[in-house]
Protein backbone atom coordinates (compact mmCIF):
# COMPACT_ATOMS: atom_id res chain seq x y z
CA MET A 1 108.49 41.52 68.92
CA THR A 2 109.50 45.00 70.12
CA THR A 3 110.45 47.99 67.46
CA THR A 4 113.79 48.00 70.10
CA THR A 5 113.60 43.83 69.70
CA ILE A 6 113.86 43.97 65.97
CA GLN A 7 116.49 46.96 65.26
CA ALA A 8 119.07 45.14 67.63
CA ALA A 9 118.39 42.23 65.75
CA GLY A 10 118.45 43.75 62.52
CA SER A 11 122.13 45.43 64.50
CA THR A 12 123.27 41.71 65.30
CA LEU A 13 122.49 40.61 61.53
CA GLY A 14 124.61 43.07 59.76
CA GLU A 15 128.07 42.26 62.75
CA LEU A 16 127.54 38.86 61.96
CA GLU A 17 127.28 39.88 57.75
CA LYS A 18 130.68 41.65 58.36
CA GLU A 19 132.13 38.84 60.00
CA ALA A 20 131.38 36.05 57.96
CA ARG A 21 133.56 38.02 55.68
CA MET A 22 136.78 37.05 58.14
CA GLY A 23 137.80 33.93 56.69
CA GLY A 24 140.27 34.79 55.01
CA GLN A 25 144.59 34.39 55.46
CA GLY A 26 144.92 38.03 55.01
CA GLN A 27 148.56 39.69 54.96
CA GLU A 28 150.50 40.91 58.61
CA LYS A 29 151.21 44.00 58.75
CA ALA A 30 153.65 45.57 62.32
CA ARG A 31 151.43 48.15 63.84
CA GLU A 32 152.51 49.43 67.67
CA VAL A 33 149.91 48.11 70.18
CA ARG A 34 150.71 50.60 73.05
CA VAL A 35 151.13 49.31 76.82
CA ILE A 36 150.02 52.20 79.14
CA ASP A 37 151.23 52.24 82.78
CA LEU A 38 148.16 52.05 85.43
CA ALA A 39 151.15 53.43 87.89
CA ASP A 40 150.23 55.55 90.83
CA PHE A 41 146.67 55.66 88.94
CA SER A 42 144.46 57.20 91.58
CA HIS A 43 146.28 60.29 90.96
CA ARG A 44 147.11 59.39 87.21
CA LYS A 45 143.70 58.80 86.01
CA PRO A 46 143.30 62.02 83.53
CA GLU A 47 146.62 61.02 81.71
CA ILE A 48 146.07 57.25 81.57
CA ALA A 49 142.15 58.03 80.56
CA GLU A 50 143.84 59.61 77.62
CA ALA A 51 146.57 57.12 76.82
CA ILE A 52 143.82 54.09 76.68
CA TRP A 53 141.27 56.66 74.83
CA GLN A 54 143.87 56.81 71.98
CA ALA A 55 144.83 53.90 72.09
CA SER A 56 141.14 52.28 71.49
CA VAL A 57 140.18 54.83 68.85
CA ASP A 58 143.51 53.17 66.91
CA ILE A 59 143.00 50.01 67.39
CA GLY A 60 141.42 48.98 69.28
CA PHE A 61 143.96 47.12 71.63
CA PHE A 62 146.07 47.93 74.07
CA GLN A 63 148.16 46.32 76.75
CA VAL A 64 148.05 47.12 80.46
CA LYS A 65 151.60 47.40 83.02
CA ASN A 66 151.88 47.55 86.67
CA HIS A 67 148.05 46.89 86.92
CA GLY A 68 148.21 45.00 90.57
CA ILE A 69 147.92 41.39 89.79
CA ALA A 70 150.78 40.04 90.76
CA LEU A 71 152.77 37.94 88.38
CA ASP A 72 152.78 34.65 90.87
CA ASP A 73 149.08 35.17 90.87
CA ILE A 74 148.95 34.94 86.59
CA GLN A 75 151.09 32.40 86.95
CA ALA A 76 149.14 30.33 89.65
CA ALA A 77 145.77 30.45 87.15
CA PHE A 78 147.56 28.95 84.23
CA VAL A 79 148.64 26.09 85.87
CA ARG A 80 144.84 25.62 87.65
CA ALA A 81 143.96 26.21 83.58
CA GLU A 82 146.29 23.32 82.62
CA GLN A 83 145.23 20.87 85.71
CA LEU A 84 141.21 21.50 85.02
CA PHE A 85 142.12 20.35 80.97
CA ALA A 86 144.08 17.69 81.94
CA LEU A 87 141.08 15.90 83.50
CA PRO A 88 139.51 13.02 81.24
CA ARG A 89 137.24 14.44 79.09
CA GLU A 90 134.14 12.47 81.39
CA VAL A 91 134.77 14.66 84.27
CA LYS A 92 134.68 17.59 82.29
CA ALA A 93 132.28 16.34 80.23
CA GLN A 94 129.88 16.51 83.93
CA TRP A 95 130.18 20.49 83.49
CA PRO A 96 128.28 21.28 80.01
CA LEU A 97 128.42 24.81 79.52
CA THR A 98 124.99 26.22 79.27
CA ARG A 99 124.99 30.04 79.39
CA ASN A 100 128.15 31.26 79.57
CA ALA A 101 129.23 28.82 82.22
CA GLY A 102 130.90 26.10 82.11
CA TRP A 103 133.33 23.15 79.62
CA GLU A 104 132.94 23.00 76.02
CA HIS A 105 134.82 21.23 73.62
CA LYS A 106 135.13 22.46 70.04
CA ALA A 107 131.46 24.14 70.35
CA GLN A 108 132.22 27.90 69.00
CA ILE A 109 131.95 27.95 65.39
CA ARG A 110 132.99 31.48 63.83
CA PRO A 111 130.53 32.77 61.03
CA SER A 112 133.84 33.70 60.00
CA THR A 113 135.30 30.11 59.42
CA ARG A 114 132.45 28.53 59.68
CA THR A 115 134.25 25.89 61.66
CA PRO A 116 134.68 24.63 64.97
CA ASP A 117 137.70 26.96 67.16
CA GLN A 118 140.71 24.52 67.98
CA LYS A 119 140.22 24.67 71.47
CA GLU A 120 138.49 23.34 74.65
CA SER A 121 137.57 26.10 77.03
CA TYR A 122 135.85 26.69 80.50
CA GLN A 123 133.95 29.01 81.73
CA VAL A 124 133.66 30.77 85.58
CA THR A 125 130.39 33.17 85.67
CA ARG A 126 129.81 33.52 89.64
CA PRO A 127 125.74 33.11 89.75
CA ARG A 128 125.69 30.15 86.99
CA MET A 129 127.83 28.08 88.80
CA ASP A 130 125.99 25.49 90.91
CA GLY A 131 126.92 21.75 89.44
CA LEU A 132 129.77 22.81 87.32
CA TRP A 133 132.41 23.12 90.41
CA PRO A 134 135.29 20.11 90.14
CA THR A 135 135.15 19.00 93.24
CA GLU A 136 137.74 19.17 96.34
CA ALA A 137 138.80 15.38 95.54
CA GLU A 138 139.14 16.43 91.61
CA LEU A 139 140.91 19.71 91.94
CA PRO A 140 141.37 20.52 95.35
CA GLY A 141 141.47 24.16 96.62
CA PHE A 142 139.80 25.38 92.89
CA ARG A 143 137.19 26.86 93.30
CA GLU A 144 138.14 28.89 95.80
CA ALA A 145 141.31 30.15 93.98
CA THR A 146 139.61 31.00 90.77
CA LEU A 147 137.03 32.77 92.26
CA HIS A 148 139.34 35.01 94.32
CA PHE A 149 141.86 35.56 90.32
CA GLU A 150 138.15 36.52 89.22
CA ARG A 151 137.53 38.71 91.77
CA GLN A 152 140.89 40.30 90.40
CA CYS A 153 140.66 40.08 86.89
CA TRP A 154 137.15 42.22 87.65
CA THR A 155 138.98 44.60 89.96
CA VAL A 156 141.52 45.97 86.84
CA GLY A 157 138.40 46.08 84.63
CA MET A 158 136.63 48.01 86.57
CA GLN A 159 139.50 51.10 87.00
CA LEU A 160 139.94 50.64 83.31
CA LEU A 161 136.21 51.11 82.28
CA SER A 162 136.45 53.89 84.96
CA CYS A 163 138.25 55.84 82.42
CA PHE A 164 135.91 55.45 79.76
CA ALA A 165 133.29 56.37 81.83
CA TYR A 166 135.42 59.50 82.46
CA LYS A 167 135.61 60.35 78.87
CA LEU A 168 131.83 59.39 77.71
CA GLY A 169 130.85 61.98 80.28
CA PHE A 170 129.60 58.77 82.70
CA GLY A 171 129.86 58.98 86.77
CA ALA A 172 132.66 57.07 87.97
CA ASP A 173 130.75 54.09 88.81
CA PHE A 174 128.63 54.17 85.77
CA PHE A 175 130.24 50.16 84.61
CA THR A 176 130.71 49.04 88.39
CA ARG A 177 127.84 49.28 88.73
CA ALA A 178 126.63 47.56 85.74
CA HIS A 179 128.58 45.04 86.54
CA ASP A 180 127.98 44.36 90.07
CA PRO A 181 129.22 40.92 91.11
CA ALA A 182 126.68 40.84 94.18
CA VAL A 183 123.61 40.23 92.26
CA PRO A 184 121.92 37.47 90.30
CA ALA A 185 122.21 39.21 86.93
CA TYR A 186 125.56 39.66 87.05
CA GLN A 187 127.38 37.72 83.71
CA SER A 188 131.25 38.92 83.25
CA THR A 189 133.13 35.70 82.48
CA LEU A 190 136.11 34.21 83.51
CA ARG A 191 137.44 31.96 80.90
CA MET A 192 140.01 29.42 80.50
CA LEU A 193 140.72 28.40 77.42
CA HIS A 194 143.54 25.38 75.90
CA TYR A 195 143.86 25.51 72.49
CA PHE A 196 145.20 22.26 70.85
CA ALA A 197 148.80 21.18 69.42
CA VAL A 198 148.37 20.93 66.14
CA ASP A 199 148.48 17.42 64.57
CA PRO A 200 151.11 17.15 62.06
CA ALA A 201 148.63 15.33 59.93
CA LEU A 202 146.58 18.15 59.99
CA LYS A 203 148.90 20.97 60.10
CA ASP A 204 149.25 22.40 56.37
CA GLU A 205 144.64 22.28 56.74
CA LEU A 206 143.95 25.55 56.21
CA GLY A 207 140.45 25.96 56.95
CA LEU A 208 141.12 25.11 60.91
CA TRP A 209 141.75 28.11 63.56
CA ARG A 210 142.49 28.16 66.84
CA ALA A 211 140.15 30.66 67.29
CA GLY A 212 138.27 32.51 63.81
CA ALA A 213 138.54 36.08 63.20
CA HIS A 214 135.45 37.72 66.02
CA THR A 215 134.61 40.71 67.46
CA ASP A 216 133.88 40.17 71.46
CA PHE A 217 130.35 40.55 73.10
CA ASP A 218 131.89 42.28 76.26
CA CYS A 219 132.34 45.94 76.95
CA LEU A 220 136.17 45.18 77.74
CA THR A 221 138.12 42.30 77.78
CA LEU A 222 141.14 41.39 79.41
CA LEU A 223 143.74 38.49 78.13
CA PHE A 224 146.22 36.79 79.76
CA GLN A 225 148.84 35.44 77.42
CA ARG A 226 152.13 33.16 77.92
CA ALA A 227 155.34 34.24 76.61
CA GLY A 228 155.96 31.85 73.89
CA GLN A 229 152.80 30.74 72.98
CA GLY A 230 151.99 33.78 70.56
CA GLY A 231 149.17 33.22 67.45
CA LEU A 232 146.23 36.46 68.66
CA GLN A 233 146.02 38.69 65.90
CA VAL A 234 144.28 41.78 65.77
CA LEU A 235 142.92 44.14 62.40
CA PRO A 236 142.07 47.15 63.20
CA GLY A 237 138.19 48.15 61.28
CA LYS A 238 139.10 50.53 58.41
CA GLU A 239 141.97 47.93 57.47
CA MET A 240 139.57 45.48 57.21
CA ASP A 241 139.10 45.39 53.21
CA GLY A 242 143.06 44.86 52.69
CA GLN A 243 143.01 42.00 56.04
CA GLN A 244 146.76 43.41 56.91
CA TRP A 245 146.67 41.55 60.25
CA THR A 246 148.92 42.08 63.39
CA SER A 247 150.21 40.51 65.72
CA VAL A 248 149.99 40.97 69.76
CA GLU A 249 152.76 39.52 70.70
CA PRO A 250 152.68 37.15 74.63
CA ILE A 251 154.61 39.47 77.51
CA GLU A 252 155.20 38.08 80.77
CA GLY A 253 152.74 39.60 83.56
CA VAL A 254 150.78 42.29 80.89
CA ILE A 255 146.88 42.36 80.18
CA THR A 256 145.87 42.93 76.52
CA CYS A 257 142.77 44.06 76.44
CA ASN A 258 140.06 45.32 73.95
CA ILE A 259 136.93 46.83 73.11
CA GLY A 260 133.83 44.68 72.66
CA ASP A 261 130.81 44.96 71.21
CA MET A 262 128.74 46.20 74.37
CA LEU A 263 130.90 49.40 74.41
CA THR A 264 131.11 50.25 71.05
CA ARG A 265 127.65 50.63 71.36
CA TRP A 266 127.48 51.91 74.64
CA SER A 267 129.82 54.81 73.23
CA ASP A 268 127.62 55.63 70.05
CA ASP A 269 130.57 53.99 67.98
CA GLN A 270 133.26 56.34 69.32
CA LEU A 271 135.15 53.06 70.34
CA PRO A 272 135.31 50.27 67.89
CA SER A 273 135.52 46.46 68.27
CA ASN A 274 138.04 45.03 66.40
CA PHE A 275 138.29 41.95 64.73
CA HIS A 276 141.16 39.21 66.26
CA ARG A 277 141.83 35.74 65.45
CA VAL A 278 144.42 33.16 66.63
CA ARG A 279 145.94 31.46 64.36
CA ASN A 280 147.79 28.23 64.05
CA PRO A 281 151.85 27.84 64.32
CA LYS A 282 153.89 28.65 61.23
CA PRO A 283 155.91 25.90 60.50
CA GLY A 284 159.65 26.56 62.18
CA GLU A 285 157.04 27.49 65.37
CA TYR A 286 156.35 26.49 68.79
CA GLN A 287 153.54 23.98 67.40
CA GLY A 288 152.19 22.38 71.68
CA ALA A 289 149.33 23.30 73.44
CA ARG A 290 149.03 26.93 73.90
CA TYR A 291 146.84 28.54 76.69
CA SER A 292 145.02 31.53 77.47
CA LEU A 293 142.81 33.65 80.54
CA ALA A 294 140.47 36.28 79.56
CA PHE A 295 137.90 38.04 81.56
CA PHE A 296 134.72 39.21 79.62
CA CYS A 297 133.37 42.68 81.42
CA GLN A 298 129.66 41.75 80.58
CA ALA A 299 127.20 43.95 82.10
CA ASN A 300 124.88 42.72 83.91
CA GLU A 301 121.35 41.45 82.76
CA ASP A 302 119.32 44.12 83.89
CA ALA A 303 122.26 46.62 82.70
CA VAL A 304 120.25 49.04 79.96
CA ILE A 305 122.94 49.85 77.46
CA GLU A 306 122.57 53.43 75.75
CA GLY A 307 124.69 55.67 75.13
CA PRO A 308 125.27 59.32 75.80
CA GLY A 309 124.20 60.43 72.16
CA LYS A 310 121.08 58.11 72.72
CA LYS A 311 122.50 56.71 69.15
CA TYR A 312 120.99 52.95 69.11
CA PRO A 313 117.38 51.66 71.91
CA PRO A 314 118.27 51.03 74.82
CA ILE A 315 118.73 47.33 75.19
CA THR A 316 119.78 45.25 78.11
CA GLY A 317 122.57 43.28 79.03
CA ALA A 318 121.04 40.07 78.53
CA ASP A 319 118.96 40.59 75.10
CA TYR A 320 122.35 41.79 73.44
CA LEU A 321 124.30 38.65 75.26
CA ARG A 322 121.87 35.82 74.35
CA GLN A 323 121.54 37.54 70.76
CA ARG A 324 125.94 37.18 70.57
CA ILE A 325 126.13 34.04 71.52
CA SER A 326 123.29 33.12 70.01
CA ALA A 327 125.08 32.85 66.80
CA ASN A 328 128.35 31.59 67.81
CA PHE A 329 127.29 28.63 70.01
CA SER A 330 124.02 25.92 69.42
CA ASN A 331 122.06 26.06 72.33
CA LYS A 332 124.28 27.13 74.66
CA TYR A 333 122.74 30.03 76.40
């Protein structure tokens, strides 16, 4: 094992130890999650980059509007997700999660909760999808439409990452080259998520979470939520010990974005990857199923993650993601 691998493994262990302390209910606190307008991006890029940077440094989360993905396209993607998850379990089991692609059911166990997240998901990672697509008989047009939506998400993600490249002193296309979808090393992922309706028999079970507290593994996450299906909460790192969580309410057509661990490392810790979770509904809140769509901008396998100040030793995207996924999924990478 090389010195770099040992150091990287030590860093991952530290992150997991921190996450393991995040399983409690905590308190709730109102904070602003800024909504940033991307209209006229090419002319306003320095202004937009500054707004995104400040929001990211302050809370690690921000939302964007006028991002270029039509509301009809977002709603259609949600309909496709519902159709997929409505298929019989034995059909979905034909596409088992492998290397961040395919279907899983309650397979994700967070270090924070040590219990399975109350959800199922289907993950699309372009080069790894052989044998993992529904057939045209099962879901007509699903593959083509899903890949089109994935590309729309990638386009917005690269636009946002170009703002971070600008602030970090990298070239404008630095992160676009590191997330190149045209090569087999591509590992950005579109994830469809179905959080189960609350079982009345388990509604008072405090040990269950739709998604336990965690940080994301990637550079940047783009999340689409449905109005009326809340539960997402963020905890800025500086207030970790107090565990004061802030709800990020769904806004139709708006994308919620958060910094991931890869970008924290790539920025030499200037940008925080903060804890977030999806709590179960409270009494009186909507108790039905919750759907969300997430796009994870994950650097290509051969991309080298190294910050401008070289605070940490370089590590490839493949090695970094392998370590993080192995800690959250059993034998799924």
